[in-house]
Protein backbone atom coordinates (compact mmCIF):
# COMPACT_ATOMS: atom_id res chain seq x y z
CA UNK A 1 12.24 -38.42 -10.74
CA UNK A 2 11.57 -37.31 -6.99
CA UNK A 3 8.19 -36.19 -5.94
CA UNK A 4 7.80 -32.48 -7.16
CA UNK A 5 5.18 -31.59 -4.81
CA UNK A 6 7.89 -29.90 -2.88
CA UNK A 7 7.17 -27.00 -0.49
CA UNK A 8 8.82 -23.59 -0.07
CA UNK A 9 8.03 -23.51 3.46
CA UNK A 10 8.40 -19.76 3.22
CA UNK A 11 6.62 -19.23 6.58
CA UNK A 12 4.06 -16.84 5.44
CA UNK A 13 2.53 -15.95 8.93
CA UNK A 14 2.42 -13.12 11.31
CA UNK A 15 5.33 -13.42 13.79
CA UNK A 16 4.67 -13.14 17.36
CA UNK A 17 7.31 -10.41 18.05
CA UNK A 18 6.09 -8.41 14.94
CA UNK A 19 2.43 -8.68 16.02
CA UNK A 20 3.10 -7.55 19.66
CA UNK A 21 5.27 -4.75 18.72
CA UNK A 22 3.00 -3.52 15.99
CA UNK A 23 -0.15 -3.58 18.25
CA UNK A 24 1.67 -1.81 21.03
CA UNK A 25 2.58 0.77 18.68
CA UNK A 26 -0.84 1.23 17.45
CA UNK A 27 -2.47 1.27 20.68
CA UNK A 28 -0.09 4.05 21.69
CA UNK A 29 -1.11 6.07 18.53
CA UNK A 30 -4.88 5.41 19.41
CA UNK A 31 -4.50 6.77 22.95
CA UNK A 32 -2.48 9.74 21.56
CA UNK A 33 -5.06 10.75 19.10
CA UNK A 34 -7.90 10.19 21.80
CA UNK A 35 -6.03 12.58 24.15
CA UNK A 36 -5.53 15.12 21.04
CA UNK A 37 -9.34 15.32 20.94
CA UNK A 38 -9.46 16.83 24.35
CA UNK A 39 -7.25 19.47 23.47
CA UNK A 40 -8.15 20.45 19.88
CA UNK A 41 -11.47 22.21 19.50
CA UNK A 42 -14.01 20.17 17.25
CA UNK A 43 -15.16 21.89 14.09
CA UNK A 44 -16.43 21.01 10.57
CA UNK A 45 -16.73 22.54 7.22
CA UNK A 46 -20.02 23.10 5.76
CA UNK A 47 -20.35 23.24 1.82
CA UNK A 48 -22.57 24.74 -0.73
CA UNK A 49 -22.66 22.76 -3.97
CA UNK A 50 -24.33 23.06 -7.34
CA UNK A 51 -26.38 20.27 -9.08
CA UNK A 52 -23.17 18.77 -10.52
CA UNK A 53 -21.60 18.36 -7.14
CA UNK A 54 -19.03 21.16 -7.32
CA UNK A 55 -18.36 23.18 -4.32
CA UNK A 56 -19.32 26.82 -4.79
CA UNK A 57 -18.46 27.95 -1.19
CA UNK A 58 -17.58 26.74 2.18
CA UNK A 59 -17.66 27.91 5.86
CA UNK A 60 -15.89 26.58 9.08
CA UNK A 61 -17.81 26.19 12.27
CA UNK A 62 -16.79 25.25 15.84
CA UNK A 63 -18.98 22.60 17.25
CA UNK A 64 -20.39 22.27 20.85
CA UNK A 65 -17.76 20.08 22.63
CA UNK A 66 -20.44 18.33 24.74
CA UNK A 67 -21.80 16.74 21.46
CA UNK A 68 -18.42 15.54 20.19
CA UNK A 69 -15.30 13.60 21.35
CA UNK A 70 -15.24 10.05 22.21
CA UNK A 71 -15.23 9.01 26.02
CA UNK A 72 -12.05 7.40 26.89
CA UNK A 73 -13.56 3.85 27.35
CA UNK A 74 -14.60 4.20 23.47
CA UNK A 75 -10.93 4.49 22.32
CA UNK A 76 -10.65 0.89 22.96
CA UNK A 77 -14.02 0.01 21.31
CA UNK A 78 -12.89 2.06 18.22
CA UNK A 79 -11.54 -0.92 16.31
CA UNK A 80 -14.90 -2.65 16.45
CA UNK A 81 -17.01 0.38 15.83
CA UNK A 82 -14.83 1.47 12.88
CA UNK A 83 -15.34 -1.99 11.11
CA UNK A 84 -19.00 -2.03 11.80
CA UNK A 85 -20.24 1.44 11.06
CA UNK A 86 -17.15 3.62 10.50
CA UNK A 87 -16.63 5.58 7.24
CA UNK A 88 -14.83 3.64 4.68
CA UNK A 89 -15.75 0.22 6.71
CA UNK A 90 -16.34 -1.72 3.43
CA UNK A 91 -12.60 -1.00 2.63
CA UNK A 92 -11.67 -2.47 5.93
CA UNK A 93 -13.58 -5.61 5.26
CA UNK A 94 -12.21 -5.98 1.87
CA UNK A 95 -8.53 -5.67 3.26
CA UNK A 96 -9.28 -8.43 5.71
CA UNK A 97 -10.99 -10.57 3.10
CA UNK A 98 -7.91 -10.44 0.84
CA UNK A 99 -5.49 -11.06 3.53
CA UNK A 100 -7.34 -14.19 4.49
CA UNK A 101 -7.64 -15.26 1.04
CA UNK A 102 -3.89 -14.59 0.47
CA UNK A 103 -3.06 -16.98 3.50
CA UNK A 104 -5.26 -19.86 2.43
CA UNK A 105 -4.45 -19.53 -1.18
CA UNK A 106 -0.72 -19.68 -0.84
CA UNK A 107 -0.89 -22.61 1.60
CA UNK A 108 -2.84 -24.39 -1.06
CA UNK A 109 -0.29 -23.49 -3.86
CA UNK A 110 2.67 -24.31 -1.67
CA UNK A 111 1.17 -27.80 -0.81
CA UNK A 112 0.77 -28.66 -4.51
CA UNK A 113 4.42 -27.80 -5.17
CA UNK A 114 3.47 -25.15 -7.68
CA UNK A 115 5.31 -22.32 -5.79
CA UNK A 116 8.41 -24.46 -5.57
CA UNK A 117 8.28 -25.15 -9.10
CA UNK A 118 7.93 -21.50 -10.17
CA UNK A 119 10.70 -20.24 -7.81
CA UNK A 120 13.02 -23.05 -8.91
CA UNK A 121 12.45 -22.01 -12.68
CA UNK A 122 12.97 -18.32 -11.91
CA UNK A 123 15.95 -18.82 -9.79
CA UNK A 124 17.64 -20.90 -12.75
CA UNK A 125 16.70 -18.27 -15.17
CA UNK A 126 17.83 -15.25 -13.20
CA UNK A 127 20.48 -16.25 -10.78
CA UNK A 128 23.34 -14.44 -13.13
CA UNK A 129 20.80 -11.58 -13.80
CA UNK A 130 19.41 -11.34 -10.44
CA UNK A 131 19.97 -7.71 -10.25
CA UNK A 132 18.29 -7.18 -13.60
CA UNK A 133 15.27 -9.12 -12.05
CA UNK A 134 15.08 -6.38 -9.42
CA UNK A 135 15.01 -3.56 -12.02
CA UNK A 136 12.24 -5.62 -13.93
CA UNK A 137 10.15 -6.21 -10.75
CA UNK A 138 10.47 -2.51 -9.82
CA UNK A 139 9.27 -1.30 -13.07
CA UNK A 140 6.26 -3.63 -13.23
CA UNK A 141 5.31 -2.79 -9.65
CA UNK A 142 5.48 0.87 -10.17
CA UNK A 143 3.55 0.55 -13.29
CA UNK A 144 0.76 -1.32 -11.56
CA UNK A 145 0.62 1.17 -8.65
CA UNK A 146 1.19 4.48 -10.70
CA UNK A 147 -1.49 3.65 -13.28
CA UNK A 148 -3.94 1.41 -11.58
CA UNK A 149 -3.57 2.28 -8.08
CA UNK A 150 -2.63 -1.22 -6.83
CA UNK A 151 -0.90 -1.55 -3.60
CA UNK A 152 -2.34 -3.70 -0.79
CA UNK A 153 -3.61 -6.04 -3.59
CA UNK A 154 -0.08 -6.52 -4.64
CA UNK A 155 0.70 -8.18 -1.18
CA UNK A 156 -0.37 -11.31 -2.97
CA UNK A 157 3.09 -11.45 -4.54
CA UNK A 158 5.00 -11.35 -1.32
CA UNK A 159 5.23 -15.09 -0.82
CA UNK A 160 6.85 -15.44 -4.35
CA UNK A 161 9.30 -12.64 -3.54
CA UNK A 162 10.17 -14.03 -0.18
CA UNK A 163 10.88 -17.39 -1.61
CA UNK A 164 12.99 -15.74 -4.51
CA UNK A 165 14.82 -13.76 -1.85
CA UNK A 166 15.67 -16.76 0.40
CA UNK A 167 17.08 -18.69 -2.63
CA UNK A 168 19.21 -15.42 -3.51
CA UNK A 169 20.26 -15.21 0.11
CA UNK A 170 18.56 -11.93 0.40
CA UNK A 171 16.74 -10.59 3.50
CA UNK A 172 12.97 -10.54 4.28
CA UNK A 173 13.13 -6.82 4.36
CA UNK A 174 14.21 -6.81 0.85
CA UNK A 175 11.55 -9.18 -0.10
CA UNK A 176 8.74 -7.06 1.39
CA UNK A 177 10.34 -3.86 -0.10
CA UNK A 178 9.79 -5.33 -3.53
CA UNK A 179 6.09 -4.83 -2.63
CA UNK A 180 5.98 -1.79 -0.27
CA UNK A 181 8.84 0.34 -1.61
CA UNK A 182 8.09 -0.12 -5.33
CA UNK A 183 4.25 0.52 -4.85
CA UNK A 184 4.87 3.48 -2.57
CA UNK A 185 7.07 5.12 -5.06
CA UNK A 186 4.57 4.26 -7.78
CA UNK A 187 1.99 6.14 -6.02
CA UNK A 188 4.37 9.17 -5.29
CA UNK A 189 4.79 9.53 -9.18
CA UNK A 190 1.31 8.55 -10.23
CA UNK A 191 0.55 8.88 -13.84
CA UNK A 192 -3.10 7.84 -14.20
CA UNK A 193 -3.75 6.43 -10.66
CA UNK A 194 -7.58 6.76 -10.32
CA UNK A 195 -7.24 7.00 -6.42
CA UNK A 196 -4.83 9.69 -6.32
CA UNK A 197 -4.43 11.76 -9.55
CA UNK A 198 -7.88 10.64 -10.65
CA UNK A 199 -9.68 11.74 -7.36
CA UNK A 200 -7.51 14.83 -6.99
CA UNK A 201 -8.71 16.06 -10.33
CA UNK A 202 -12.29 15.12 -10.07
CA UNK A 203 -12.57 16.89 -6.73
CA UNK A 204 -10.56 19.89 -7.96
CA UNK A 205 -12.50 23.24 -8.16
CA UNK A 206 -10.26 24.37 -11.13
CA UNK A 207 -10.52 23.28 -14.69
CA UNK A 208 -7.76 20.57 -14.82
CA UNK A 209 -7.57 17.21 -16.27
CA UNK A 210 -5.52 13.99 -15.62
CA UNK A 211 -3.23 14.96 -18.54
CA UNK A 212 -2.38 18.23 -17.06
CA UNK A 213 1.26 18.16 -16.03
CA UNK A 214 1.75 14.54 -16.99
CA UNK A 215 4.99 15.35 -18.88
CA UNK A 216 6.50 16.51 -15.48
CA UNK A 217 5.06 13.38 -13.74
CA UNK A 218 6.62 11.14 -16.53
CA UNK A 219 10.13 12.71 -15.85
CA UNK A 220 9.73 12.16 -12.20
CA UNK A 221 8.72 8.46 -12.83
CA UNK A 222 11.85 7.66 -14.65
CA UNK A 223 14.05 9.47 -12.12
CA UNK A 224 12.38 7.88 -9.23
CA UNK A 225 12.43 4.61 -10.84
CA UNK A 226 16.13 4.53 -11.33
CA UNK A 227 16.65 5.79 -7.83
CA UNK A 228 14.40 3.11 -6.35
CA UNK A 229 16.12 0.27 -8.27
CA UNK A 230 19.38 1.44 -7.45
CA UNK A 231 18.55 1.36 -3.66
CA UNK A 232 17.02 -2.20 -4.00
CA UNK A 233 20.11 -3.55 -5.78
CA UNK A 234 22.21 -1.97 -3.32
CA UNK A 235 20.19 -3.54 -0.49
CA UNK A 236 20.60 -7.08 -2.20
CA UNK A 237 24.31 -6.55 -2.54
CA UNK A 238 24.65 -5.72 1.20
CA UNK A 239 22.47 -8.84 2.07
CA UNK A 240 24.67 -11.21 -0.09
CA UNK A 241 27.92 -9.70 1.65
CA UNK A 242 26.49 -10.10 5.08
CA UNK A 243 25.48 -13.67 4.31
CA UNK A 244 28.92 -14.23 3.15
CA UNK A 245 28.08 -14.81 -0.53
CA UNK A 246 26.87 -18.37 0.30
CA UNK A 247 26.09 -20.40 -2.84
CA UNK A 248 22.39 -21.18 -3.61
CA UNK A 249 21.07 -24.58 -2.65
CA UNK A 250 21.84 -26.91 -5.53
CA UNK A 251 18.14 -28.12 -5.69
CA UNK A 252 17.48 -24.59 -7.26
CA UNK A 253 20.44 -24.35 -9.39
CA UNK A 254 20.73 -27.94 -10.80
CA UNK A 255 17.31 -29.27 -12.11
CA UNK A 256 17.20 -32.29 -14.26
CA UNK A 257 15.28 -32.25 -17.57
CA UNK A 258 12.58 -34.41 -16.15
CA UNK A 259 12.08 -31.97 -13.02
CA UNK A 260 12.10 -29.00 -15.43
CA UNK A 261 9.30 -30.49 -17.54
CA UNK A 262 7.21 -31.14 -14.49
CA UNK A 263 8.00 -27.68 -13.02
CA UNK A 264 6.94 -26.01 -16.20
CA UNK A 265 3.55 -27.41 -16.15
CA UNK A 266 2.94 -26.29 -12.66
CA UNK A 267 4.55 -22.93 -13.06
CA UNK A 268 2.35 -22.14 -16.01
CA UNK A 269 -0.91 -22.82 -13.92
CA UNK A 270 0.54 -20.43 -11.14
CA UNK A 271 1.46 -17.78 -13.71
CA UNK A 272 -2.14 -18.10 -15.44
CA UNK A 273 -3.76 -17.62 -11.84
CA UNK A 274 -1.74 -14.74 -11.07
CA UNK A 275 -2.30 -13.08 -14.41
CA UNK A 276 -6.17 -13.73 -14.22
CA UNK A 277 -6.07 -12.01 -10.60
CA UNK A 278 -4.14 -9.03 -11.70
CA UNK A 279 -6.29 -8.74 -14.78
CA UNK A 280 -9.38 -8.86 -12.78
CA UNK A 281 -8.28 -6.03 -10.24
CA UNK A 282 -7.18 -3.85 -13.24
CA UNK A 283 -10.31 -4.17 -15.03
CA UNK A 284 -12.32 -3.48 -11.85
CA UNK A 285 -10.33 -0.27 -11.47
CA UNK A 286 -11.06 0.97 -15.15
CA UNK A 287 -14.51 -0.33 -15.85
CA UNK A 288 -16.69 2.50 -14.25
CA UNK A 289 -19.53 0.36 -13.16
CA UNK A 290 -17.22 -2.04 -11.00
CA UNK A 291 -15.05 0.77 -10.03
CA UNK A 292 -18.09 2.51 -8.49
CA UNK A 293 -19.13 -0.42 -6.67
CA UNK A 294 -15.52 -0.72 -5.09
CA UNK A 295 -15.48 -4.43 -5.09
CA UNK A 296 -12.11 -5.07 -6.87
CA UNK A 297 -10.26 -6.70 -3.94
CA UNK A 298 -13.18 -9.04 -3.39
CA UNK A 299 -13.29 -10.08 -6.95
CA UNK A 300 -9.52 -10.65 -6.92
CA UNK A 301 -9.84 -12.61 -3.60
CA UNK A 302 -12.71 -14.91 -5.29
CA UNK A 303 -10.49 -15.35 -8.31
CA UNK A 304 -7.56 -16.61 -6.24
CA UNK A 305 -9.59 -19.01 -4.04
CA UNK A 306 -11.39 -20.51 -7.11
CA UNK A 307 -8.12 -20.79 -9.01
CA UNK A 308 -6.26 -22.21 -6.12
CA UNK A 309 -8.93 -24.85 -5.43
CA UNK A 310 -8.86 -25.94 -9.07
CA UNK A 311 -4.97 -26.28 -9.09
CA UNK A 312 -5.23 -28.27 -5.68
CA UNK A 313 -7.68 -30.59 -7.13
CA UNK A 314 -5.51 -31.43 -10.01
CA UNK A 315 -2.50 -32.23 -7.87
CA UNK A 316 -3.63 -33.21 -4.67
CA UNK A 317 -7.20 -34.29 -5.19
CA UNK A 318 -10.08 -34.25 -2.61
CA UNK A 319 -11.93 -31.08 -1.21
CA UNK A 320 -11.15 -32.31 2.18
CA UNK A 321 -7.43 -31.71 1.95
CA UNK A 322 -8.10 -28.43 0.08
CA UNK A 323 -10.24 -27.05 2.75
CA UNK A 324 -7.80 -28.17 5.41
CA UNK A 325 -4.75 -26.32 3.80
CA UNK A 326 -6.93 -23.35 3.04
CA UNK A 327 -8.12 -22.85 6.62
CA UNK A 328 -4.60 -23.62 7.92
CA UNK A 329 -3.31 -20.86 5.74
CA UNK A 330 -6.26 -18.37 6.92
CA UNK A 331 -5.41 -19.12 10.38
CA UNK A 332 -1.63 -18.19 9.97
CA UNK A 333 -2.85 -14.79 8.85
CA UNK A 334 -5.76 -14.31 11.30
CA UNK A 335 -3.63 -11.90 13.65
CA UNK A 336 -3.62 -9.55 11.00
CA UNK A 337 -7.21 -8.82 11.28
CA UNK A 338 -6.50 -7.42 14.63
CA UNK A 339 -3.73 -5.17 13.17
CA UNK A 340 -5.93 -4.02 10.51
CA UNK A 341 -8.65 -3.15 12.97
CA UNK A 342 -6.32 -1.03 15.14
CA UNK A 343 -4.84 0.80 12.22
CA UNK A 344 -8.13 1.80 10.87
CA UNK A 345 -9.43 2.87 14.35
CA UNK A 346 -6.94 5.68 14.51
CA UNK A 347 -8.90 7.71 11.82
CA UNK A 348 -12.21 6.68 13.41
CA UNK A 349 -11.19 8.15 16.78
CA UNK A 350 -10.09 11.53 15.16
CA UNK A 351 -13.20 11.70 13.11
CA UNK A 352 -15.67 11.13 15.96
CA UNK A 353 -13.60 13.82 17.90
CA UNK A 354 -14.16 16.10 14.93
CA UNK A 355 -10.56 17.50 15.07
CA UNK A 356 -9.34 16.76 11.44
CA UNK A 357 -11.30 19.87 9.92
CA UNK A 358 -10.14 22.05 12.69
CA UNK A 359 -6.53 21.01 12.12
CA UNK A 360 -6.80 21.76 8.46
CA UNK A 361 -8.54 25.01 8.97
CA UNK A 362 -5.71 26.31 11.15
CA UNK A 363 -3.03 25.04 8.87
CA UNK A 364 -4.61 26.40 5.66
CA UNK A 365 -5.07 29.97 7.10
CA UNK A 366 -1.27 29.83 8.03
CA UNK A 367 -0.19 28.69 4.62
CA UNK A 368 -2.07 31.49 2.71
CA UNK A 369 0.17 34.07 4.36
CA UNK A 370 3.49 32.55 3.17
CA UNK A 371 5.38 33.03 0.06
CA UNK A 372 4.95 30.39 -2.75
CA UNK A 373 8.13 28.12 -2.04
CA UNK A 374 7.46 28.16 1.91
CA UNK A 375 3.82 27.69 1.31
CA UNK A 376 4.36 24.61 -0.88
CA UNK A 377 6.61 22.97 1.74
CA UNK A 378 4.30 23.78 4.51
CA UNK A 379 1.50 22.33 2.35
CA UNK A 380 3.38 19.20 1.84
CA UNK A 381 4.25 18.58 5.34
CA UNK A 382 0.53 19.39 6.54
CA UNK A 383 -0.80 16.73 3.80
CA UNK A 384 1.80 14.42 5.37
CA UNK A 385 0.27 14.92 8.69
CA UNK A 386 -3.21 14.18 7.39
CA UNK A 387 -1.62 11.04 5.87
CA UNK A 388 -0.97 9.82 9.25
CA UNK A 389 -4.67 10.25 10.24
CA UNK A 390 -6.15 9.18 6.80
CA UNK A 391 -4.00 6.74 4.68
CA UNK A 392 -6.71 6.67 2.02
CA UNK A 393 -5.83 8.69 -0.87
CA UNK A 394 -9.57 8.95 -1.92
CA UNK A 395 -10.65 10.06 1.41
CA UNK A 396 -7.86 12.63 1.67
CA UNK A 397 -8.69 14.03 -1.79
CA UNK A 398 -12.31 14.43 -1.02
CA UNK A 399 -11.61 16.23 2.09
CA UNK A 400 -8.63 18.40 1.15
CA UNK A 401 -8.61 19.17 -2.63
CA UNK A 402 -11.86 21.08 -2.81
CA UNK A 403 -10.68 23.40 0.14
CA UNK A 404 -7.43 23.87 -1.33
CA UNK A 405 -8.40 24.68 -4.83
CA UNK A 406 -11.52 26.71 -4.14
CA UNK A 407 -9.74 29.45 -2.50
CA UNK A 408 -6.37 29.40 -4.09
CA UNK A 409 -3.01 29.65 -2.24
CA UNK A 410 -1.16 32.71 -3.51
CA UNK A 411 1.60 31.66 -5.90
CA UNK A 412 0.61 27.94 -6.16
CA UNK A 413 -1.26 26.65 -9.14
CA UNK A 414 -3.70 23.79 -9.11
CA UNK A 415 -1.03 21.47 -10.85
CA UNK A 416 1.61 22.27 -7.90
CA UNK A 417 -1.10 21.57 -5.25
CA UNK A 418 -2.14 18.28 -6.77
CA UNK A 419 1.71 17.37 -7.01
CA UNK A 420 2.26 18.16 -3.49
CA UNK A 421 -0.66 15.80 -2.65
CA UNK A 422 0.63 12.98 -4.80
CA UNK A 423 4.14 13.34 -3.08
CA UNK A 424 2.53 13.34 0.46
CA UNK A 425 0.31 10.39 -0.26
CA UNK A 426 2.99 8.18 -2.02
CA UNK A 427 5.88 6.66 -0.20
CA UNK A 428 4.35 7.79 3.05
CA UNK A 429 1.91 4.83 2.61
CA UNK A 430 4.90 2.73 3.78
CA UNK A 431 5.97 5.16 6.41
CA UNK A 432 3.25 5.54 8.87
CA UNK A 433 2.16 2.60 11.15
CA UNK A 434 -1.50 3.81 10.53
CA UNK A 435 -1.27 2.47 7.03
CA UNK A 436 -2.86 -1.10 6.96
CA UNK A 437 -0.77 -1.95 3.85
CA UNK A 438 2.49 -1.22 5.70
CA UNK A 439 1.62 -2.95 8.98
CA UNK A 440 0.21 -6.07 7.29
CA UNK A 441 3.26 -6.23 4.94
CA UNK A 442 5.84 -5.97 7.66
CA UNK A 443 3.85 -8.39 9.76
CA UNK A 444 3.97 -10.88 6.96
CA UNK A 445 7.77 -10.54 6.61
CA UNK A 446 7.92 -10.72 10.54
CA UNK A 447 9.93 -7.45 10.63
CA UNK A 448 8.98 -5.00 13.33
CA UNK A 449 8.11 -1.43 12.52
CA UNK A 450 11.34 -0.27 14.21
CA UNK A 451 13.55 -2.50 12.15
CA UNK A 452 11.53 -1.27 9.07
CA UNK A 453 12.35 2.25 9.91
CA UNK A 454 16.03 1.38 10.53
CA UNK A 455 16.38 -0.44 7.32
CA UNK A 456 14.54 2.00 4.95
CA UNK A 457 14.52 5.26 6.88
CA UNK A 458 17.46 6.82 4.96
CA UNK A 459 15.77 5.98 1.65
CA UNK A 460 12.58 7.49 2.84
CA UNK A 461 14.43 10.73 3.63
CA UNK A 462 16.08 10.75 0.24
CA UNK A 463 12.58 10.49 -1.29
CA UNK A 464 11.34 13.41 0.89
CA UNK A 465 14.27 15.51 -0.15
CA UNK A 466 13.91 14.69 -3.69
CA UNK A 467 10.29 15.32 -3.68
CA UNK A 468 10.76 18.71 -2.03
CA UNK A 469 13.24 19.56 -4.73
CA UNK A 470 10.88 18.76 -7.73
CA UNK A 471 8.27 20.59 -5.87
CA UNK A 472 10.13 23.74 -5.79
CA UNK A 473 11.24 23.22 -9.45
CA UNK A 474 7.67 22.83 -10.44
CA UNK A 475 6.88 26.33 -8.85
CA UNK A 476 9.99 27.86 -10.53
CA UNK A 477 8.95 26.75 -14.05
CA UNK A 478 5.30 27.61 -13.64
CA UNK A 479 3.79 24.17 -13.82
């Protein structure tokens, strides 16, 4: 038998072209938002709350401009300020930790031959059922995001999807879509997602629960799941046609019994590691004490690092080699730290300029004057706009939901308002370049933001039209 410590060489690193393009786009957005703070009057809401934290009343006040607004030179220090003392900076740090752990872990697992073994077995098993594999992957990813709020954490699966896609002659865009598109749609049709539907219900000023309207969201889940799976299968078929339906490398499709036995042993260890890491992050999201600490991503990173070191010591031996491979993998993804800092700085600049509350106040006043159907569409579009500045679902829920439910919008129930919030926070997580998950994902795949829009733009538009339609239906049936 040949040496089974074969590597996939799936090239999990940030491509130079993608890095430069993404950074240029983000810098342009930072400057745009900075300029915006000079034209939008600064303002803020003040709230009166009861002992339980419920908002009883609120008022909006304009601020003295001289005490707000970042000077121009601080637009460019904003990435460092955001990570040091900006709101939600712990989330930024966790994302960076997970990304670096991802790079180091997968470099180790690749060197052991474990990833090669796992992908070889999967390709052998599913080659003739490869489209079914897409349906299964889509369902699993949507469940993890819809019920547990996992998205950026699932980027850990991209190296496996990339290797699988390479073996099937599919594109890198499809490989990263199996993470980004599926989880984005999962967020759109959230069932029990604690960061979207959970936070929306918690911050609502109306007596609603997470089960209100769930029958409607279940129907939406099934429909959006079918649409997403068909889209991804269609992308796979186009990739195969473009590549001339070339046969797979025989090293994947023709394994000896001796190789299979060794591969199964390695693959089991990899599967156990992945299952353990996913179990940790799911438990961290449902156990109240851990969820309150918001350390789920760090726990997952630790699980991956420890597990990969154990596997490496078994097959390669020696801590010296293990650390060497780990830090090499970290270095491959180190440029992503810059991308994350730039993406998060956009929100920081807007917050420091105190323009977010002002923009919302103007929009909310205008919405309340419209008929219910127009108001719902406008509300959807406005929340989309806030998604550009504030990708975090929890942060948007804390800011927007109390304001939207304390003084009702004529003709719109709380369930419809929350549904509009879910739609606007879902697939848009993989639409705007200010979303850290998107920019890191496409950078890993070495796909530029422009190419991503070209490849997925029509599908994103379809999701927008579908969600508008179901929002109108929800009003019509009195959800």
